[in-house]
Protein backbone atom coordinates (compact mmCIF):
# COMPACT_ATOMS: atom_id res chain seq x y z
CA MET A 1 -17.56 23.90 84.38
CA ILE A 2 -13.79 23.21 83.59
CA LYS A 3 -12.50 25.07 86.34
CA ASN A 4 -14.70 23.21 88.28
CA LEU A 5 -13.52 20.03 87.22
CA LEU A 6 -10.29 20.63 87.19
CA LEU A 7 -10.94 21.68 91.34
CA VAL A 8 -12.01 17.65 91.49
CA THR A 9 -9.17 16.17 89.14
CA LEU A 10 -6.98 18.17 92.58
CA LEU A 11 -9.09 17.46 95.44
CA ILE A 12 -8.92 13.57 94.30
CA SER A 13 -5.49 13.06 93.33
CA GLY A 14 -4.92 15.60 96.31
CA PHE A 15 -6.44 13.25 99.26
CA ALA A 16 -5.35 9.77 97.48
CA LEU A 17 -1.87 11.30 97.34
CA ALA A 18 -1.82 12.22 100.90
CA GLN A 19 -2.94 8.69 101.93
CA GLU A 20 -0.31 7.09 99.87
CA GLN A 21 2.19 9.48 101.28
CA SER A 22 1.24 9.55 105.35
CA THR A 23 3.98 8.26 107.63
CA GLU A 24 1.74 8.90 110.60
CA VAL A 25 -1.75 7.49 109.31
CA LYS A 26 -1.83 3.95 110.99
CA GLN A 27 -2.04 0.63 108.87
CA ASP A 28 -5.68 -0.46 110.44
CA THR A 29 -7.16 3.49 108.84
CA LEU A 30 -6.94 2.17 104.55
CA LYS A 31 -6.41 -1.94 105.53
CA ASN A 32 -10.00 -1.95 104.20
CA TRP A 33 -9.92 -0.04 101.61
CA SER A 34 -8.39 -0.60 98.02
CA ILE A 35 -8.37 2.94 95.94
CA GLN A 36 -7.02 2.68 92.15
CA GLY A 37 -6.82 5.43 90.03
CA GLN A 38 -5.61 7.59 87.39
CA ASN A 39 -5.52 11.42 86.31
CA THR A 40 -4.88 12.42 83.10
CA ILE A 41 -3.54 15.27 81.07
CA MET A 42 -3.12 14.69 77.39
CA LEU A 43 -2.37 17.08 74.63
CA ASN A 44 -2.28 16.80 70.89
CA GLN A 45 -1.24 18.87 68.39
CA ALA A 46 -0.79 19.68 64.98
CA ALA A 47 1.38 22.73 62.65
CA PHE A 48 1.65 23.55 59.38
CA SER A 49 3.50 26.29 57.39
CA ASN A 50 4.22 26.04 53.49
CA TRP A 51 2.71 22.55 53.24
CA ILE A 52 1.35 21.26 50.29
CA GLY A 53 -0.04 18.35 51.91
CA GLY A 54 -2.50 21.02 53.63
CA GLY A 55 -3.21 21.02 57.11
CA ALA A 56 -4.50 23.70 59.40
CA ASN A 57 -2.96 23.80 62.67
CA ASN A 58 -4.84 22.77 65.73
CA ILE A 59 -3.89 21.94 69.80
CA GLY A 60 -6.42 19.86 71.66
CA TRP A 61 -5.77 18.51 74.97
CA ILE A 62 -8.61 16.74 77.11
CA ALA A 63 -8.26 15.75 81.27
CA GLY A 64 -9.97 13.49 83.53
CA VAL A 65 -10.26 11.35 87.31
CA ASN A 66 -10.53 7.76 86.60
CA TYR A 67 -11.05 6.18 90.36
CA ASN A 68 -12.39 3.12 91.42
CA MET A 69 -12.49 2.71 95.54
CA THR A 70 -13.35 -0.39 96.98
CA TYR A 71 -14.10 -1.43 100.78
CA GLU A 72 -14.17 -4.90 101.31
CA LYS A 73 -14.62 -6.33 105.27
CA GLY A 74 -15.81 -10.21 106.18
CA ASN A 75 -19.55 -10.43 104.11
CA ASP A 76 -19.61 -6.67 103.11
CA LEU A 77 -18.61 -5.46 99.55
CA TRP A 78 -19.10 -1.48 98.94
CA GLU A 79 -17.56 0.03 95.73
CA ASN A 80 -17.42 3.55 93.95
CA ILE A 81 -16.40 4.57 90.83
CA VAL A 82 -15.91 7.75 90.07
CA ILE A 83 -14.99 9.06 86.04
CA LEU A 84 -14.61 12.92 85.18
CA GLY A 85 -13.59 14.04 81.81
CA TYR A 86 -13.16 16.97 79.23
CA GLY A 87 -11.86 18.12 76.32
CA GLN A 88 -11.31 19.88 73.32
CA ASN A 89 -9.36 20.78 70.57
CA ASN A 90 -8.68 24.08 68.59
CA THR A 91 -8.94 24.10 64.91
CA GLU A 92 -7.54 26.93 62.98
CA GLY A 93 -10.57 28.20 61.12
CA LEU A 94 -12.92 26.73 62.82
CA GLY A 95 -12.50 27.42 66.45
CA THR A 96 -12.96 25.67 69.56
CA ARG A 97 -14.76 21.94 69.46
CA LYS A 98 -15.65 19.89 72.57
CA THR A 99 -13.82 16.28 71.98
CA GLN A 100 -14.49 14.66 75.20
CA ASP A 101 -17.65 15.43 78.21
CA ILE A 102 -18.61 12.93 80.32
CA ILE A 103 -19.71 12.70 84.97
CA ASN A 104 -20.18 9.03 85.35
CA LEU A 105 -20.69 8.31 89.02
CA SER A 106 -21.70 4.78 90.79
CA THR A 107 -21.43 3.39 94.01
CA ASN A 108 -22.53 -0.48 94.95
CA TYR A 109 -23.05 -2.17 98.58
CA GLY A 110 -23.03 -5.95 98.74
CA LYS A 111 -23.75 -8.49 101.69
CA LYS A 112 -21.38 -12.35 100.65
CA ILE A 113 -23.99 -14.96 100.19
CA SER A 114 -21.39 -17.31 99.18
CA LYS A 115 -18.31 -16.98 97.85
CA SER A 116 -17.56 -13.90 95.21
CA TRP A 117 -22.02 -13.39 94.71
CA TYR A 118 -23.05 -10.66 97.14
CA VAL A 119 -26.40 -10.01 96.69
CA SER A 120 -26.63 -6.07 95.99
CA GLY A 121 -28.25 -2.46 95.87
CA GLY A 122 -26.84 0.26 94.25
CA ALA A 123 -27.21 3.34 92.45
CA SER A 124 -25.45 5.71 89.37
CA LEU A 125 -25.29 8.99 87.67
CA LEU A 126 -24.16 9.48 83.77
CA THR A 127 -24.58 13.29 82.23
CA GLN A 128 -21.96 15.72 81.02
CA PHE A 129 -20.90 18.80 81.77
CA ALA A 130 -21.59 21.27 78.95
CA PRO A 131 -24.09 21.50 75.42
CA GLY A 132 -22.82 19.71 72.49
CA TYR A 133 -24.23 20.60 68.63
CA ALA A 134 -24.96 19.08 65.64
CA ASP A 135 -22.57 20.38 63.77
CA GLY A 136 -19.20 19.49 65.36
CA ASN A 137 -20.43 20.88 68.39
CA ASN A 138 -20.59 24.12 66.73
CA PRO A 139 -22.06 26.69 68.78
CA ALA A 140 -24.17 27.89 65.79
CA ALA A 141 -25.84 24.63 65.05
CA ALA A 142 -28.53 23.09 66.55
CA LYS A 143 -28.26 21.37 70.24
CA ILE A 144 -28.79 18.35 71.26
CA SER A 145 -27.60 17.94 74.50
CA ASN A 146 -26.38 19.73 77.79
CA PHE A 147 -25.53 19.25 82.04
CA MET A 148 -28.39 16.23 82.46
CA ALA A 149 -29.74 16.82 79.12
CA PRO A 150 -30.04 13.69 79.06
CA GLY A 151 -29.06 12.96 82.80
CA TYR A 152 -29.11 9.09 83.23
CA VAL A 153 -30.08 7.60 87.54
CA ASN A 154 -30.17 4.34 88.06
CA VAL A 155 -31.28 2.80 91.46
CA GLY A 156 -31.79 -0.93 91.56
CA ALA A 157 -31.51 -3.92 93.66
CA GLY A 158 -29.61 -7.47 92.70
CA PHE A 159 -26.81 -9.63 92.47
CA THR A 160 -23.03 -8.85 92.44
CA TYR A 161 -20.77 -11.50 91.37
CA ARG A 162 -16.56 -10.39 91.88
CA PRO A 163 -14.30 -13.61 91.87
CA SER A 164 -11.21 -11.19 91.67
CA ASP A 165 -9.81 -7.40 91.42
CA ASN A 166 -9.91 -7.43 87.70
CA PHE A 167 -13.87 -8.63 87.53
CA THR A 168 -17.10 -7.52 88.38
CA MET A 169 -20.72 -8.84 86.70
CA THR A 170 -23.82 -6.46 88.39
CA LEU A 171 -27.22 -8.58 87.24
CA ARG A 172 -30.29 -6.66 88.71
CA PRO A 173 -33.22 -7.92 87.72
CA ALA A 174 -35.32 -4.75 89.92
CA ASN A 175 -34.02 -1.57 89.27
CA ALA A 176 -35.36 2.03 88.08
CA ARG A 177 -34.08 4.12 85.26
CA TRP A 178 -34.67 7.88 84.90
CA THR A 179 -33.80 9.75 81.78
CA PHE A 180 -33.74 14.02 82.62
CA VAL A 181 -33.72 16.59 80.00
CA LEU A 182 -33.82 19.37 81.57
CA ASP A 183 -32.73 21.91 79.70
CA LYS A 184 -36.16 23.77 78.48
CA ASP A 185 -34.75 24.06 74.72
CA LEU A 186 -34.46 19.81 74.10
CA GLN A 187 -38.16 19.41 75.60
CA TYR A 188 -40.08 17.91 72.83
CA ALA A 189 -41.46 14.95 72.43
CA GLY A 190 -38.97 11.86 70.88
CA ASN A 191 -35.86 14.16 72.61
CA TYR A 192 -34.44 10.95 74.63
CA GLY A 193 -37.58 9.16 74.88
CA LEU A 194 -39.72 11.98 76.32
CA LYS A 195 -43.69 11.70 75.54
CA ASN A 196 -44.62 14.81 75.82
CA ASN A 197 -43.40 18.54 74.32
CA GLY A 198 -42.36 20.49 78.02
CA ASP A 199 -41.62 16.43 80.10
CA SER A 200 -38.66 16.75 82.02
CA SER A 201 -38.21 12.92 82.84
CA LEU A 202 -38.49 9.84 81.33
CA PHE A 203 -39.34 7.09 83.95
CA GLN A 204 -38.75 3.37 83.07
CA PHE A 205 -37.84 0.09 84.62
CA GLY A 206 -36.33 -3.22 84.04
CA PHE A 207 -33.48 -5.48 84.32
CA LEU A 208 -29.78 -3.74 84.32
CA GLY A 209 -26.31 -5.77 83.83
CA LYS A 210 -23.10 -4.09 84.31
CA ALA A 211 -19.77 -5.81 83.83
CA ILE A 212 -15.79 -4.57 84.02
CA TYR A 213 -13.18 -6.84 83.66
CA LYS A 214 -9.31 -5.60 83.53
CA VAL A 215 -6.54 -7.02 81.42
CA LYS A 216 -3.21 -7.17 81.70
CA LEU A 217 -1.67 -7.45 78.13
CA MET A 218 1.78 -6.90 78.56
CA GLU A 219 4.16 -4.89 81.02
CA ASN A 220 3.03 -1.39 80.99
CA ILE A 221 0.06 -1.78 79.07
CA THR A 222 -3.97 -2.05 80.41
CA LEU A 223 -6.58 -2.25 78.70
CA VAL A 224 -10.09 -1.81 80.55
CA ASN A 225 -13.24 -3.74 79.43
CA SER A 226 -16.74 -1.79 80.54
CA ALA A 227 -19.92 -2.86 78.94
CA SER A 228 -23.64 -2.46 80.54
CA VAL A 229 -26.99 -3.50 79.48
CA PHE A 230 -30.53 -2.18 79.75
CA SER A 231 -33.85 -3.09 79.19
CA ASN A 232 -37.47 -2.17 80.37
CA TYR A 233 -39.65 -4.65 81.04
CA LEU A 234 -42.41 -1.46 80.78
CA ASP A 235 -42.81 -1.03 76.86
CA HIS A 236 -40.67 -2.73 74.48
CA PRO A 237 -38.21 -4.92 76.59
CA ASP A 238 -36.91 -6.13 72.77
CA ARG A 239 -34.85 -2.84 72.52
CA LEU A 240 -31.78 -2.86 74.35
CA VAL A 241 -29.93 -0.34 75.39
CA LEU A 242 -25.79 -1.48 75.10
CA SER A 243 -22.64 0.05 76.03
CA TYR A 244 -18.96 -0.69 75.43
CA GLY A 245 -16.48 1.32 76.92
CA GLY A 246 -12.45 0.33 76.62
CA VAL A 247 -9.30 2.16 77.99
CA LEU A 248 -6.34 1.08 76.80
CA ASN A 249 -3.00 2.42 79.29
CA MET A 250 0.50 2.29 77.33
CA LYS A 251 2.34 3.53 80.64
CA ILE A 252 5.69 5.08 79.51
CA ASN A 253 6.88 5.73 82.54
CA LYS A 254 5.24 6.76 86.15
CA TYR A 255 4.48 9.80 85.07
CA ILE A 256 3.77 9.72 81.44
CA SER A 257 1.13 7.88 79.82
CA SER A 258 -0.42 7.34 76.35
CA VAL A 259 -4.51 6.44 76.36
CA ILE A 260 -6.35 5.23 73.45
CA THR A 261 -10.34 4.81 74.80
CA LEU A 262 -13.08 3.54 72.86
CA ASP A 263 -16.99 3.96 73.12
CA VAL A 264 -20.23 2.14 71.51
CA LEU A 265 -22.97 2.93 72.22
CA TYR A 266 -27.09 1.95 71.22
CA ASP A 267 -30.36 3.43 72.32
CA HIS A 268 -33.13 3.99 70.69
CA ASN A 269 -34.61 6.76 72.54
CA GLN A 270 -30.95 8.46 71.31
CA ILE A 271 -31.32 7.88 67.82
CA TRP A 272 -31.86 4.74 66.08
CA LYS A 273 -28.20 4.05 65.02
CA THR A 274 -24.67 2.82 66.30
CA GLN A 275 -22.95 5.52 67.95
CA LEU A 276 -18.83 4.82 68.40
CA LYS A 277 -16.52 8.02 69.96
CA GLN A 278 -13.10 7.42 69.75
CA THR A 279 -10.01 9.67 71.55
CA LEU A 280 -5.89 9.11 71.13
CA GLY A 281 -3.45 11.09 73.84
CA LEU A 282 -0.50 11.17 75.26
CA GLY A 283 0.72 12.70 78.02
CA LEU A 284 1.37 13.26 82.68
CA ALA A 285 -0.68 10.62 84.14
CA TYR A 286 -0.59 9.86 87.56
CA ASN A 287 -1.78 6.03 88.99
CA ILE A 288 -2.71 5.41 92.89
CA ASP A 289 -2.57 1.85 94.04
CA ASN A 290 -3.36 1.93 97.82
CA GLY A 291 -4.64 0.17 99.90
CA LEU A 292 -5.78 -4.07 100.71
CA LYS A 293 -5.60 -6.02 97.41
CA ARG A 294 -8.44 -8.92 97.33
CA SER A 295 -6.09 -11.94 97.76
CA GLU A 296 -2.40 -12.29 98.09
CA ASN A 297 -2.20 -13.44 94.48
CA LYS A 298 -0.33 -11.33 92.17
CA ASN A 299 -1.95 -12.54 89.07
CA ASN A 300 -5.07 -10.77 90.72
CA GLN A 301 -3.30 -7.41 91.23
CA THR A 302 -2.38 -6.68 87.97
CA TRP A 303 -4.60 -2.70 87.77
CA LYS A 304 -1.66 -0.11 88.73
């Protein structure tokens, strides 16, 4: 699994780097594409020896890719997002625990109907690479998640508003949402909203709203905000599924960055509580910023 993640990371970054450095490709090749992304390997570590204050030796890492590939020509707009991440921490006396685990893929195609507005349709997949456990990802504890358990697939149609490179909002009043639970150990009624023991999926149909907003806080510091809301028309439309993700990237130089992430989630089918996850890392980061920008206005080109 980790090898697969690293392989995907190398393939994506290698492709983008080749596109950036090639001098033989004609100018027209990328003129309608904007490829923006980041490849990261973040490290954290603590060591103690005769330290009266106490503490346990530990070392951890997080690797990931975050790419936004956009095609824009005339009235056509096609946006693709690839977010992959995995991390572990090894603490003396406790062993290895998972600290990051995400697979987030989405695509959205739109046809312009007025300035900055598009009629659009798209799909997305959200899941994880490896099992998760109730006690801090302790394999001896009860398993609560796994690859495609849950896995969320959204397919829908609606409208997209994109006034600049830094802001995109998609509203889908017609959106089908499938929750998959493909791990047989987790297929019990109530788990992720499943209706019966042995069910492997749950179908919902409703409204989905998504937005991404990128902000340049100061030189070499950017904040990417993403949020979504889903309401199921078929059952308790008042029980909204809400999520927010923030990525603060503090660029030290071309290859070294510090990254802070914050994820907040409320989904009553998972747990009747607000979920919170935060990570901090310092390490290697290589940014890709290639191809056409939406406009010549430099204020709309801060994601680098």
